[in-house]
Protein backbone atom coordinates (compact mmCIF):
# COMPACT_ATOMS: atom_id res chain seq x y z
CA UNK A 1 -26.49 -36.55 -26.38
CA UNK A 2 -26.90 -33.39 -28.44
CA UNK A 3 -26.27 -30.21 -26.44
CA UNK A 4 -26.85 -26.60 -27.45
CA UNK A 5 -24.58 -24.41 -25.31
CA UNK A 6 -25.06 -20.66 -24.90
CA UNK A 7 -22.78 -18.12 -23.22
CA UNK A 8 -23.28 -14.36 -22.90
CA UNK A 9 -22.15 -13.90 -19.28
CA UNK A 10 -18.88 -12.08 -20.01
CA UNK A 11 -17.18 -10.54 -23.05
CA UNK A 12 -18.37 -12.99 -25.69
CA UNK A 13 -21.55 -14.03 -27.40
CA UNK A 14 -21.24 -17.72 -28.18
CA UNK A 15 -23.18 -20.85 -29.01
CA UNK A 16 -22.24 -24.38 -30.00
CA UNK A 17 -23.84 -27.74 -30.66
CA UNK A 18 -21.96 -30.69 -29.18
CA UNK A 19 -22.48 -34.35 -29.98
CA UNK A 20 -21.22 -36.09 -26.84
CA UNK A 21 -21.45 -39.53 -28.47
CA UNK A 22 -18.90 -38.72 -31.16
CA UNK A 23 -17.09 -36.08 -29.12
CA UNK A 24 -17.48 -33.59 -31.96
CA UNK A 25 -18.56 -29.97 -31.78
CA UNK A 26 -20.66 -29.99 -34.93
CA UNK A 27 -21.36 -26.26 -35.03
CA UNK A 28 -19.84 -23.32 -33.19
CA UNK A 29 -19.64 -19.53 -33.30
CA UNK A 30 -18.16 -17.11 -30.80
CA UNK A 31 -17.89 -13.34 -31.09
CA UNK A 32 -15.96 -11.19 -28.66
CA UNK A 33 -18.09 -8.28 -27.47
CA UNK A 34 -18.63 -6.23 -24.33
CA UNK A 35 -22.07 -4.94 -25.36
CA UNK A 36 -24.76 -5.87 -27.84
CA UNK A 37 -25.38 -9.46 -26.72
CA UNK A 38 -29.15 -9.01 -26.92
CA UNK A 39 -29.01 -8.06 -30.59
CA UNK A 40 -26.38 -10.61 -31.57
CA UNK A 41 -27.44 -13.77 -29.75
CA UNK A 42 -30.55 -15.03 -31.54
CA UNK A 43 -29.14 -14.57 -35.07
CA UNK A 44 -25.96 -16.30 -33.88
CA UNK A 45 -27.93 -19.24 -32.46
CA UNK A 46 -29.89 -19.46 -35.71
CA UNK A 47 -26.67 -19.73 -37.71
CA UNK A 48 -25.25 -22.37 -35.38
CA UNK A 49 -28.40 -24.47 -35.49
CA UNK A 50 -28.53 -24.29 -39.29
CA UNK A 51 -24.88 -25.32 -39.49
CA UNK A 52 -25.52 -28.26 -37.15
CA UNK A 53 -28.25 -29.55 -39.44
CA UNK A 54 -30.22 -31.16 -36.63
CA UNK A 55 -32.90 -28.62 -35.70
CA UNK A 56 -34.14 -27.91 -32.19
CA UNK A 57 -36.14 -31.16 -32.15
CA UNK A 58 -32.85 -33.06 -32.38
CA UNK A 59 -31.44 -31.53 -29.20
CA UNK A 60 -31.39 -33.42 -25.92
CA UNK A 61 -30.51 -30.50 -23.66
CA UNK A 62 -29.72 -26.79 -23.64
CA UNK A 63 -26.92 -25.48 -21.39
CA UNK A 64 -26.30 -21.86 -20.45
CA UNK A 65 -23.87 -19.95 -18.26
CA UNK A 66 -25.45 -18.35 -15.21
CA UNK A 67 -22.68 -16.08 -13.94
CA UNK A 68 -20.84 -14.53 -12.26
CA UNK A 69 -20.65 -11.99 -15.01
CA UNK A 70 -22.36 -9.02 -16.57
CA UNK A 71 -25.85 -8.55 -15.13
CA UNK A 72 -27.30 -7.66 -18.53
CA UNK A 73 -25.28 -10.17 -20.54
CA UNK A 74 -26.02 -13.24 -18.47
CA UNK A 75 -29.74 -12.49 -18.39
CA UNK A 76 -29.75 -12.30 -22.19
CA UNK A 77 -28.36 -15.83 -22.39
CA UNK A 78 -30.64 -17.18 -19.67
CA UNK A 79 -33.75 -15.70 -21.26
CA UNK A 80 -32.84 -17.14 -24.65
CA UNK A 81 -32.06 -20.58 -23.24
CA UNK A 82 -35.25 -20.80 -21.22
CA UNK A 83 -37.36 -19.53 -24.09
CA UNK A 84 -35.89 -21.99 -26.57
CA UNK A 85 -36.21 -24.84 -24.08
CA UNK A 86 -39.86 -24.03 -23.52
CA UNK A 87 -40.62 -23.76 -27.24
CA UNK A 88 -38.75 -26.97 -28.11
CA UNK A 89 -39.87 -28.84 -24.97
CA UNK A 90 -36.27 -29.60 -23.99
CA UNK A 91 -34.57 -29.54 -20.57
CA UNK A 92 -32.26 -26.62 -19.80
CA UNK A 93 -29.40 -26.53 -17.29
CA UNK A 94 -27.29 -23.70 -15.91
CA UNK A 95 -23.63 -23.72 -14.94
CA UNK A 96 -21.34 -21.12 -13.47
CA UNK A 97 -18.75 -19.31 -15.54
CA UNK A 98 -16.16 -20.23 -12.91
CA UNK A 99 -16.91 -23.93 -13.45
CA UNK A 100 -16.79 -23.52 -17.21
CA UNK A 101 -13.39 -21.81 -17.04
CA UNK A 102 -11.94 -24.62 -14.92
CA UNK A 103 -13.49 -27.54 -16.83
CA UNK A 104 -10.87 -28.06 -19.56
CA UNK A 105 -8.09 -28.04 -16.97
CA UNK A 106 -10.01 -30.43 -14.72
CA UNK A 107 -10.41 -32.79 -17.68
CA UNK A 108 -6.62 -33.09 -17.82
CA UNK A 109 -6.71 -34.41 -14.23
CA UNK A 110 -3.47 -32.64 -13.36
CA UNK A 111 -1.81 -32.39 -9.99
CA UNK A 112 -2.14 -28.64 -9.48
CA UNK A 113 -5.16 -26.85 -8.03
CA UNK A 114 -7.07 -24.55 -10.39
CA UNK A 115 -8.01 -21.00 -9.43
CA UNK A 116 -10.78 -19.59 -11.62
CA UNK A 117 -11.06 -15.81 -11.38
CA UNK A 118 -13.34 -13.21 -12.95
CA UNK A 119 -12.86 -9.47 -12.72
CA UNK A 120 -15.53 -8.03 -10.39
CA UNK A 121 -14.05 -4.52 -10.67
CA UNK A 122 -13.20 -2.14 -7.82
CA UNK A 123 -10.20 -4.31 -6.84
CA UNK A 124 -12.41 -7.38 -6.34
CA UNK A 125 -12.67 -10.72 -8.12
CA UNK A 126 -15.10 -13.60 -8.23
CA UNK A 127 -13.09 -16.73 -7.61
CA UNK A 128 -13.23 -20.46 -6.92
CA UNK A 129 -10.50 -23.00 -6.18
CA UNK A 130 -10.74 -26.67 -7.10
CA UNK A 131 -8.27 -29.51 -7.09
CA UNK A 132 -6.77 -30.86 -10.26
CA UNK A 133 -9.50 -33.51 -10.23
CA UNK A 134 -12.27 -30.95 -9.77
CA UNK A 135 -12.74 -31.53 -6.04
CA UNK A 136 -13.86 -28.31 -4.26
CA UNK A 137 -11.24 -26.50 -2.18
CA UNK A 138 -12.61 -22.95 -1.87
CA UNK A 139 -16.27 -22.21 -2.59
CA UNK A 140 -17.18 -19.52 -5.13
CA UNK A 141 -17.15 -16.04 -3.64
CA UNK A 142 -16.49 -12.38 -4.41
CA UNK A 143 -13.70 -10.79 -2.42
CA UNK A 144 -10.85 -8.27 -2.61
CA UNK A 145 -7.95 -9.37 -4.78
CA UNK A 146 -5.77 -9.57 -1.68
CA UNK A 147 -8.06 -12.24 -0.25
CA UNK A 148 -8.05 -14.24 -3.49
CA UNK A 149 -4.25 -14.20 -3.40
CA UNK A 150 -4.35 -16.05 -0.07
CA UNK A 151 -4.90 -19.15 -2.21
CA UNK A 152 -1.10 -19.24 -2.60
CA UNK A 153 -1.14 -21.34 0.59
CA UNK A 154 -2.30 -24.25 -1.58
CA UNK A 155 0.94 -24.27 -3.57
CA UNK A 156 1.56 -23.81 -7.29
CA UNK A 157 -1.76 -23.01 -8.97
CA UNK A 158 -3.12 -22.97 -12.50
CA UNK A 159 -4.86 -19.62 -13.03
CA UNK A 160 -7.78 -19.35 -15.45
CA UNK A 161 -10.35 -16.70 -16.23
CA UNK A 162 -10.50 -13.11 -17.39
CA UNK A 163 -8.82 -12.01 -14.14
CA UNK A 164 -5.97 -14.54 -14.37
CA UNK A 165 -3.48 -11.87 -15.42
CA UNK A 166 -4.69 -9.50 -12.72
CA UNK A 167 -3.85 -12.07 -10.06
CA UNK A 168 -0.58 -13.07 -11.71
CA UNK A 169 0.61 -9.45 -11.77
CA UNK A 170 0.04 -9.15 -8.03
CA UNK A 171 1.25 -12.61 -7.07
CA UNK A 172 3.27 -12.53 -3.82
CA UNK A 173 6.98 -12.60 -4.54
CA UNK A 174 7.63 -15.13 -1.76
CA UNK A 175 4.99 -17.60 -2.99
CA UNK A 176 5.31 -20.43 -5.47
CA UNK A 177 4.58 -18.92 -8.90
CA UNK A 178 1.57 -20.08 -10.90
CA UNK A 179 2.28 -23.10 -13.07
CA UNK A 180 0.23 -21.52 -15.85
CA UNK A 181 -1.80 -18.37 -16.45
CA UNK A 182 -4.69 -18.69 -18.92
CA UNK A 183 -6.37 -15.33 -19.46
CA UNK A 184 -9.55 -15.79 -21.48
CA UNK A 185 -12.25 -13.20 -22.14
CA UNK A 186 -14.90 -15.90 -21.77
CA UNK A 187 -15.06 -19.66 -21.22
CA UNK A 188 -14.59 -22.02 -24.15
CA UNK A 189 -18.16 -22.59 -25.40
CA UNK A 190 -17.38 -26.22 -26.20
CA UNK A 191 -16.61 -26.78 -22.53
CA UNK A 192 -19.81 -25.02 -21.53
CA UNK A 193 -21.49 -27.79 -23.52
CA UNK A 194 -19.44 -30.57 -21.90
CA UNK A 195 -20.19 -29.36 -18.39
CA UNK A 196 -23.83 -28.89 -19.38
CA UNK A 197 -23.95 -32.52 -20.46
CA UNK A 198 -22.41 -33.70 -17.19
CA UNK A 199 -24.46 -31.83 -14.58
CA UNK A 200 -27.60 -33.11 -12.91
CA UNK A 201 -30.54 -31.00 -14.13
CA UNK A 202 -32.09 -31.15 -10.66
CA UNK A 203 -29.06 -29.40 -9.13
CA UNK A 204 -28.22 -27.05 -12.01
CA UNK A 205 -31.16 -24.67 -12.53
CA UNK A 206 -30.92 -22.02 -15.26
CA UNK A 207 -31.12 -19.01 -12.98
CA UNK A 208 -28.67 -16.15 -12.32
CA UNK A 209 -25.79 -16.90 -9.98
CA UNK A 210 -25.25 -13.63 -8.11
CA UNK A 211 -22.38 -13.91 -5.65
CA UNK A 212 -22.88 -10.30 -4.59
CA UNK A 213 -26.44 -10.91 -3.41
CA UNK A 214 -26.69 -11.20 0.40
CA UNK A 215 -28.53 -14.51 0.18
CA UNK A 216 -26.48 -15.98 -2.68
CA UNK A 217 -25.67 -19.65 -2.33
CA UNK A 218 -22.97 -21.45 -4.34
CA UNK A 219 -24.30 -24.15 -6.66
CA UNK A 220 -23.41 -27.74 -6.06
CA UNK A 221 -20.10 -28.87 -7.46
CA UNK A 222 -20.26 -28.82 -11.25
CA UNK A 223 -16.70 -29.79 -11.99
CA UNK A 224 -16.70 -33.58 -11.80
CA UNK A 225 -16.43 -34.02 -15.54
CA UNK A 226 -14.44 -36.43 -17.62
CA UNK A 227 -12.30 -35.66 -20.59
CA UNK A 228 -14.25 -35.84 -23.85
CA UNK A 229 -13.83 -39.01 -25.89
CA UNK A 230 -11.49 -38.89 -28.81
CA UNK A 231 -13.35 -38.09 -32.05
């Protein structure tokens, strides 16, 4: 399967083409940025597609991050993904940034739970807790940092996301320390592609995932993914 992955939900503008059969990312580009996604994305996608050498007709699916994240940024990515999918007559799937952050750790199938966290500002974070195998433990939500830190009850955790350091700095002194702290400005775009290849299109629509909205509903579990095959 050939997947075009797009991410503009946080502080990066990124795209990649993944060949799941060979396990190779055949084209990739990621630029760190807090603003300017709208201007940067389409030229970036054009460069990635040219580097891949397959053209849009050769794609099997387009995957895009849906949030939580920047309201403006994530809508840029969603609009581009849906527009390209319509023009190329290809299916498009959406996946949460929290799932994308956790995916590479889940693929290792470790023993420690994984806490994905994104800075929601004003002393709040978006967060989700899954087991080392990707099984859901705490559903995605937005809450004060103090509430997110209650996850210490689940033992030694692996922290990922752009708020990983924020949580680590305020970790309770009497709790088991995190086994690892992976602060990343944005998810690895290659793993956006892998999760996009794994999800069921019927349960992964490409629409904004707004945890702050009063009627927001968490998406179905998107973390049951396997490690990529060796190239």
